[in-house]
Amino acid sequence: MNFHDLRIIVNQIKRTLKCPKCKGRYTDDDIEIIGSLGDEQIYFHAWCVECETESVINVVIDPTWFNEPEPHLGTAPRMGHVSSNEVLDMHNFLKGFDGNFSALFEKKSKNSKQ
């Protein structure tokens, strides 16, 4: 899984999930990654600023998703197959990631404007 896929998952969470208590929406600031089980499951922590409810979101990815010729998640197109180097890159990235998606997306956005 690469950064593009991770961003799609976070956007899908924001678009489809609501706080179970007050039905409030999540933003990038409210969602952080807390762990993963290989490439098949990712755990996110979500915080509702409206009612201060915390939720754990378990995202399960079908392993065959990576074997499709042109896999898709949501409506965003994929760039191609996921290489073993990309998997290792994501693994190394997640080991040092603090869960702050807002700072990560801002940093990525600023780099792409240059």
N, C-alpha and C. Protein backbone atom coordinates (compact mmCIF):
# COMPACT_ATOMS: atom_id res chain seq x y z
N MET A 1 0.84 -1.17 0.00
CA MET A 1 0.00 0.00 0.00
C MET A 1 0.89 1.24 0.00
N ASN A 2 0.53 2.21 -0.80
CA ASN A 2 1.32 3.43 -0.87
C ASN A 2 0.54 4.61 -0.29
N PHE A 3 1.15 5.78 -0.32
CA PHE A 3 0.54 6.98 0.24
C PHE A 3 -0.80 7.27 -0.43
N HIS A 4 -0.85 7.11 -1.74
CA HIS A 4 -2.08 7.36 -2.50
C HIS A 4 -3.23 6.49 -1.99
N ASP A 5 -2.97 5.21 -1.77
CA ASP A 5 -3.99 4.29 -1.27
C ASP A 5 -4.43 4.68 0.14
N LEU A 6 -3.48 5.05 0.98
CA LEU A 6 -3.79 5.45 2.34
C LEU A 6 -4.68 6.69 2.36
N ARG A 7 -4.38 7.63 1.50
CA ARG A 7 -5.19 8.85 1.42
C ARG A 7 -6.61 8.52 0.94
N ILE A 8 -6.75 7.60 0.01
CA ILE A 8 -8.07 7.19 -0.46
C ILE A 8 -8.87 6.58 0.70
N ILE A 9 -8.21 5.74 1.50
CA ILE A 9 -8.90 5.12 2.63
C ILE A 9 -9.36 6.17 3.63
N VAL A 10 -8.50 7.13 3.96
CA VAL A 10 -8.89 8.19 4.91
C VAL A 10 -10.04 9.00 4.33
N ASN A 11 -10.00 9.34 3.06
CA ASN A 11 -11.09 10.09 2.44
C ASN A 11 -12.39 9.29 2.45
N GLN A 12 -12.28 7.99 2.25
CA GLN A 12 -13.47 7.13 2.29
C GLN A 12 -14.05 7.10 3.71
N ILE A 13 -13.19 7.05 4.71
CA ILE A 13 -13.66 7.10 6.09
C ILE A 13 -14.41 8.41 6.35
N LYS A 14 -13.82 9.51 5.93
CA LYS A 14 -14.46 10.82 6.14
C LYS A 14 -15.80 10.92 5.41
N ARG A 15 -15.86 10.33 4.24
CA ARG A 15 -17.07 10.43 3.42
C ARG A 15 -18.19 9.51 3.90
N THR A 16 -17.84 8.34 4.43
CA THR A 16 -18.87 7.34 4.71
C THR A 16 -19.19 7.11 6.18
N LEU A 17 -18.26 7.42 7.07
CA LEU A 17 -18.50 7.14 8.48
C LEU A 17 -18.84 8.40 9.25
N LYS A 18 -19.73 8.24 10.22
CA LYS A 18 -20.11 9.34 11.11
C LYS A 18 -19.89 8.88 12.54
N CYS A 19 -19.80 9.85 13.43
CA CYS A 19 -19.68 9.54 14.85
C CYS A 19 -20.88 8.69 15.26
N PRO A 20 -20.65 7.58 15.97
CA PRO A 20 -21.77 6.72 16.36
C PRO A 20 -22.70 7.37 17.39
N LYS A 21 -22.20 8.38 18.10
CA LYS A 21 -23.01 9.01 19.15
C LYS A 21 -23.82 10.20 18.62
N CYS A 22 -23.15 11.14 17.94
CA CYS A 22 -23.84 12.38 17.53
C CYS A 22 -24.00 12.51 16.02
N LYS A 23 -23.47 11.55 15.27
CA LYS A 23 -23.53 11.53 13.79
C LYS A 23 -22.72 12.65 13.15
N GLY A 24 -21.76 13.21 13.90
CA GLY A 24 -20.87 14.24 13.35
C GLY A 24 -19.89 13.64 12.35
N ARG A 25 -19.36 14.48 11.50
CA ARG A 25 -18.40 14.05 10.47
C ARG A 25 -16.97 14.21 10.99
N TYR A 26 -16.08 13.37 10.47
CA TYR A 26 -14.67 13.43 10.81
C TYR A 26 -13.91 14.27 9.79
N THR A 27 -12.81 14.87 10.23
CA THR A 27 -11.90 15.59 9.34
C THR A 27 -10.53 14.90 9.40
N ASP A 28 -9.59 15.37 8.58
CA ASP A 28 -8.23 14.82 8.63
C ASP A 28 -7.64 14.90 10.03
N ASP A 29 -7.91 16.01 10.73
CA ASP A 29 -7.37 16.20 12.07
C ASP A 29 -7.92 15.19 13.08
N ASP A 30 -9.08 14.62 12.79
CA ASP A 30 -9.75 13.72 13.73
C ASP A 30 -9.37 12.26 13.56
N ILE A 31 -8.62 11.93 12.51
CA ILE A 31 -8.32 10.53 12.20
C ILE A 31 -6.82 10.30 12.27
N GLU A 32 -6.43 9.23 12.96
CA GLU A 32 -5.02 8.86 13.00
C GLU A 32 -4.90 7.35 12.90
N ILE A 33 -3.81 6.91 12.33
CA ILE A 33 -3.57 5.47 12.20
C ILE A 33 -2.93 5.00 13.50
N ILE A 34 -3.40 3.84 13.99
CA ILE A 34 -2.84 3.34 15.25
C ILE A 34 -2.15 1.99 15.08
N GLY A 35 -2.32 1.36 13.94
CA GLY A 35 -1.61 0.09 13.73
C GLY A 35 -2.11 -0.64 12.51
N SER A 36 -1.43 -1.73 12.22
CA SER A 36 -1.85 -2.56 11.09
C SER A 36 -1.45 -4.01 11.35
N LEU A 37 -2.16 -4.89 10.69
CA LEU A 37 -1.83 -6.31 10.71
C LEU A 37 -1.49 -6.68 9.27
N GLY A 38 -0.23 -6.57 8.96
CA GLY A 38 0.21 -6.83 7.59
C GLY A 38 -0.39 -5.80 6.65
N ASP A 39 -0.67 -6.25 5.44
CA ASP A 39 -1.26 -5.36 4.44
C ASP A 39 -2.77 -5.54 4.37
N GLU A 40 -3.33 -6.37 5.23
CA GLU A 40 -4.74 -6.70 5.11
C GLU A 40 -5.64 -5.94 6.06
N GLN A 41 -5.11 -5.42 7.17
CA GLN A 41 -5.94 -4.69 8.12
C GLN A 41 -5.19 -3.47 8.62
N ILE A 42 -5.90 -2.36 8.69
CA ILE A 42 -5.34 -1.13 9.24
C ILE A 42 -6.32 -0.62 10.29
N TYR A 43 -5.80 -0.21 11.42
CA TYR A 43 -6.63 0.32 12.51
C TYR A 43 -6.43 1.83 12.61
N PHE A 44 -7.55 2.54 12.64
CA PHE A 44 -7.55 3.99 12.77
C PHE A 44 -8.25 4.37 14.06
N HIS A 45 -7.84 5.48 14.63
CA HIS A 45 -8.50 6.08 15.78
C HIS A 45 -9.19 7.35 15.27
N ALA A 46 -10.47 7.50 15.59
CA ALA A 46 -11.22 8.69 15.18
C ALA A 46 -11.77 9.39 16.42
N TRP A 47 -11.66 10.69 16.43
CA TRP A 47 -12.08 11.52 17.55
C TRP A 47 -13.14 12.49 17.07
N CYS A 48 -14.30 12.50 17.71
CA CYS A 48 -15.37 13.44 17.34
C CYS A 48 -15.23 14.71 18.17
N VAL A 49 -15.00 15.82 17.50
CA VAL A 49 -14.83 17.08 18.22
C VAL A 49 -16.16 17.60 18.77
N GLU A 50 -17.27 17.15 18.22
CA GLU A 50 -18.59 17.61 18.66
C GLU A 50 -18.95 17.05 20.04
N CYS A 51 -18.82 15.72 20.21
CA CYS A 51 -19.25 15.09 21.46
C CYS A 51 -18.11 14.39 22.20
N GLU A 52 -16.89 14.50 21.67
CA GLU A 52 -15.69 13.93 22.28
C GLU A 52 -15.73 12.40 22.41
N THR A 53 -16.41 11.77 21.48
CA THR A 53 -16.45 10.31 21.44
C THR A 53 -15.28 9.79 20.62
N GLU A 54 -14.66 8.73 21.10
CA GLU A 54 -13.56 8.11 20.38
C GLU A 54 -14.03 6.81 19.76
N SER A 55 -13.52 6.52 18.57
CA SER A 55 -13.87 5.29 17.87
C SER A 55 -12.62 4.65 17.30
N VAL A 56 -12.63 3.33 17.21
CA VAL A 56 -11.58 2.60 16.51
C VAL A 56 -12.21 2.06 15.24
N ILE A 57 -11.54 2.31 14.12
CA ILE A 57 -12.04 1.88 12.82
C ILE A 57 -11.08 0.83 12.28
N ASN A 58 -11.61 -0.33 11.97
CA ASN A 58 -10.81 -1.41 11.41
C ASN A 58 -11.11 -1.49 9.92
N VAL A 59 -10.11 -1.21 9.09
CA VAL A 59 -10.25 -1.29 7.65
C VAL A 59 -9.62 -2.60 7.19
N VAL A 60 -10.43 -3.44 6.58
CA VAL A 60 -9.95 -4.74 6.08
C VAL A 60 -9.86 -4.64 4.56
N ILE A 61 -8.69 -4.93 4.04
CA ILE A 61 -8.46 -4.86 2.60
C ILE A 61 -8.38 -6.28 2.06
N ASP A 62 -9.14 -6.55 1.05
CA ASP A 62 -9.14 -7.86 0.40
C ASP A 62 -7.78 -8.06 -0.26
N PRO A 63 -7.03 -9.11 0.12
CA PRO A 63 -5.69 -9.31 -0.45
C PRO A 63 -5.69 -9.46 -1.97
N THR A 64 -6.79 -9.92 -2.55
CA THR A 64 -6.84 -10.06 -4.00
C THR A 64 -6.93 -8.70 -4.69
N TRP A 65 -7.24 -7.67 -3.92
CA TRP A 65 -7.32 -6.31 -4.47
C TRP A 65 -6.00 -5.92 -5.12
N PHE A 66 -4.87 -6.37 -4.54
CA PHE A 66 -3.56 -6.02 -5.06
C PHE A 66 -3.18 -6.85 -6.29
N ASN A 67 -3.91 -7.92 -6.56
CA ASN A 67 -3.58 -8.78 -7.69
C ASN A 67 -4.39 -8.48 -8.94
N GLU A 68 -5.34 -7.55 -8.85
CA GLU A 68 -6.14 -7.20 -10.01
C GLU A 68 -5.29 -6.41 -11.00
N PRO A 69 -5.58 -6.53 -12.31
CA PRO A 69 -4.80 -5.78 -13.30
C PRO A 69 -4.86 -4.27 -13.09
N GLU A 70 -6.02 -3.74 -12.79
CA GLU A 70 -6.18 -2.31 -12.51
C GLU A 70 -7.08 -2.16 -11.30
N PRO A 71 -6.57 -2.39 -10.08
CA PRO A 71 -7.42 -2.32 -8.90
C PRO A 71 -7.89 -0.89 -8.63
N HIS A 72 -9.07 -0.79 -8.05
CA HIS A 72 -9.65 0.51 -7.70
C HIS A 72 -10.17 0.46 -6.28
N LEU A 73 -10.09 1.57 -5.60
CA LEU A 73 -10.69 1.75 -4.29
C LEU A 73 -11.48 3.03 -4.36
N GLY A 74 -12.75 2.96 -4.18
CA GLY A 74 -13.58 4.14 -4.37
C GLY A 74 -13.60 4.50 -5.85
N THR A 75 -13.43 5.77 -6.17
CA THR A 75 -13.48 6.20 -7.56
C THR A 75 -12.11 6.62 -8.10
N ALA A 76 -11.09 6.55 -7.27
CA ALA A 76 -9.77 7.00 -7.71
C ALA A 76 -9.05 5.90 -8.48
N PRO A 77 -8.48 6.23 -9.63
CA PRO A 77 -7.77 5.21 -10.41
C PRO A 77 -6.42 4.87 -9.79
N ARG A 78 -6.00 3.64 -9.96
CA ARG A 78 -4.69 3.20 -9.48
C ARG A 78 -3.66 3.44 -10.56
N MET A 79 -2.43 3.52 -10.15
CA MET A 79 -1.34 3.74 -11.08
C MET A 79 -0.80 2.43 -11.65
N GLY A 80 -1.14 1.30 -11.08
CA GLY A 80 -0.63 0.02 -11.54
C GLY A 80 -0.49 -0.94 -10.38
N HIS A 81 0.25 -1.99 -10.57
CA HIS A 81 0.44 -2.99 -9.53
C HIS A 81 1.29 -2.44 -8.39
N VAL A 82 1.11 -2.98 -7.21
CA VAL A 82 1.90 -2.62 -6.04
C VAL A 82 3.12 -3.52 -6.02
N SER A 83 4.28 -2.91 -6.03
CA SER A 83 5.52 -3.69 -6.02
C SER A 83 5.91 -4.05 -4.59
N SER A 84 6.81 -4.99 -4.46
CA SER A 84 7.30 -5.37 -3.12
C SER A 84 8.05 -4.20 -2.49
N ASN A 85 8.71 -3.38 -3.29
CA ASN A 85 9.39 -2.20 -2.76
C ASN A 85 8.39 -1.19 -2.19
N GLU A 86 7.25 -1.04 -2.84
CA GLU A 86 6.22 -0.14 -2.33
C GLU A 86 5.67 -0.64 -1.00
N VAL A 87 5.51 -1.94 -0.87
CA VAL A 87 5.04 -2.51 0.39
C VAL A 87 6.07 -2.25 1.49
N LEU A 88 7.34 -2.46 1.18
CA LEU A 88 8.39 -2.18 2.17
C LEU A 88 8.46 -0.69 2.51
N ASP A 89 8.30 0.17 1.51
CA ASP A 89 8.28 1.61 1.76
C ASP A 89 7.15 1.99 2.72
N MET A 90 5.96 1.43 2.49
CA MET A 90 4.82 1.73 3.36
C MET A 90 5.07 1.19 4.76
N HIS A 91 5.62 0.00 4.85
CA HIS A 91 5.93 -0.59 6.16
C HIS A 91 6.89 0.33 6.93
N ASN A 92 7.94 0.79 6.27
CA ASN A 92 8.91 1.69 6.91
C ASN A 92 8.28 3.02 7.26
N PHE A 93 7.42 3.53 6.39
CA PHE A 93 6.72 4.79 6.65
C PHE A 93 5.85 4.66 7.90
N LEU A 94 5.07 3.58 7.99
CA LEU A 94 4.14 3.40 9.11
C LEU A 94 4.86 3.21 10.43
N LYS A 95 6.06 2.64 10.40
CA LYS A 95 6.83 2.46 11.64
C LYS A 95 7.14 3.80 12.29
N GLY A 96 7.37 4.84 11.50
CA GLY A 96 7.73 6.13 12.05
C GLY A 96 6.61 7.17 12.00
N PHE A 97 5.43 6.78 11.53
CA PHE A 97 4.33 7.73 11.37
C PHE A 97 3.63 7.97 12.70
N ASP A 98 3.38 9.23 13.04
CA ASP A 98 2.77 9.58 14.32
C ASP A 98 1.25 9.64 14.26
N GLY A 99 0.65 9.43 13.09
CA GLY A 99 -0.80 9.42 12.98
C GLY A 99 -1.42 10.75 12.60
N ASN A 100 -0.62 11.78 12.43
CA ASN A 100 -1.13 13.11 12.12
C ASN A 100 -1.30 13.27 10.61
N PHE A 101 -2.50 12.97 10.10
CA PHE A 101 -2.75 13.05 8.66
C PHE A 101 -2.77 14.49 8.16
N SER A 102 -3.27 15.41 8.97
CA SER A 102 -3.33 16.81 8.52
C SER A 102 -1.95 17.35 8.19
N ALA A 103 -1.00 17.13 9.07
CA ALA A 103 0.36 17.61 8.83
C ALA A 103 0.97 16.89 7.62
N LEU A 104 0.70 15.61 7.49
CA LEU A 104 1.24 14.84 6.38
C LEU A 104 0.67 15.31 5.05
N PHE A 105 -0.64 15.55 4.99
CA PHE A 105 -1.27 15.99 3.74
C PHE A 105 -0.84 17.41 3.39
N GLU A 106 -0.70 18.29 4.41
CA GLU A 106 -0.23 19.65 4.15
C GLU A 106 1.19 19.62 3.59
N LYS A 107 2.05 18.82 4.19
CA LYS A 107 3.43 18.70 3.74
C LYS A 107 3.47 18.18 2.31
N LYS A 108 2.67 17.16 2.01
CA LYS A 108 2.63 16.58 0.67
C LYS A 108 2.09 17.61 -0.33
N SER A 109 1.08 18.38 0.08
CA SER A 109 0.48 19.39 -0.79
C SER A 109 1.49 20.52 -1.10
N LYS A 110 2.23 20.95 -0.09
CA LYS A 110 3.23 22.00 -0.30
C LYS A 110 4.34 21.52 -1.22
N ASN A 111 4.76 20.27 -1.07
CA ASN A 111 5.81 19.72 -1.94
C ASN A 111 5.35 19.61 -3.38
N SER A 112 4.09 19.33 -3.60
CA SER A 112 3.59 19.15 -4.97
C SER A 112 3.41 20.51 -5.67
N LYS A 113 3.29 21.61 -4.92
CA LYS A 113 3.13 22.94 -5.52
C LYS A 113 4.45 23.52 -6.00
N GLN A 114 5.56 22.97 -5.48
CA GLN A 114 6.87 23.52 -5.82
C GLN A 114 7.35 23.04 -7.16
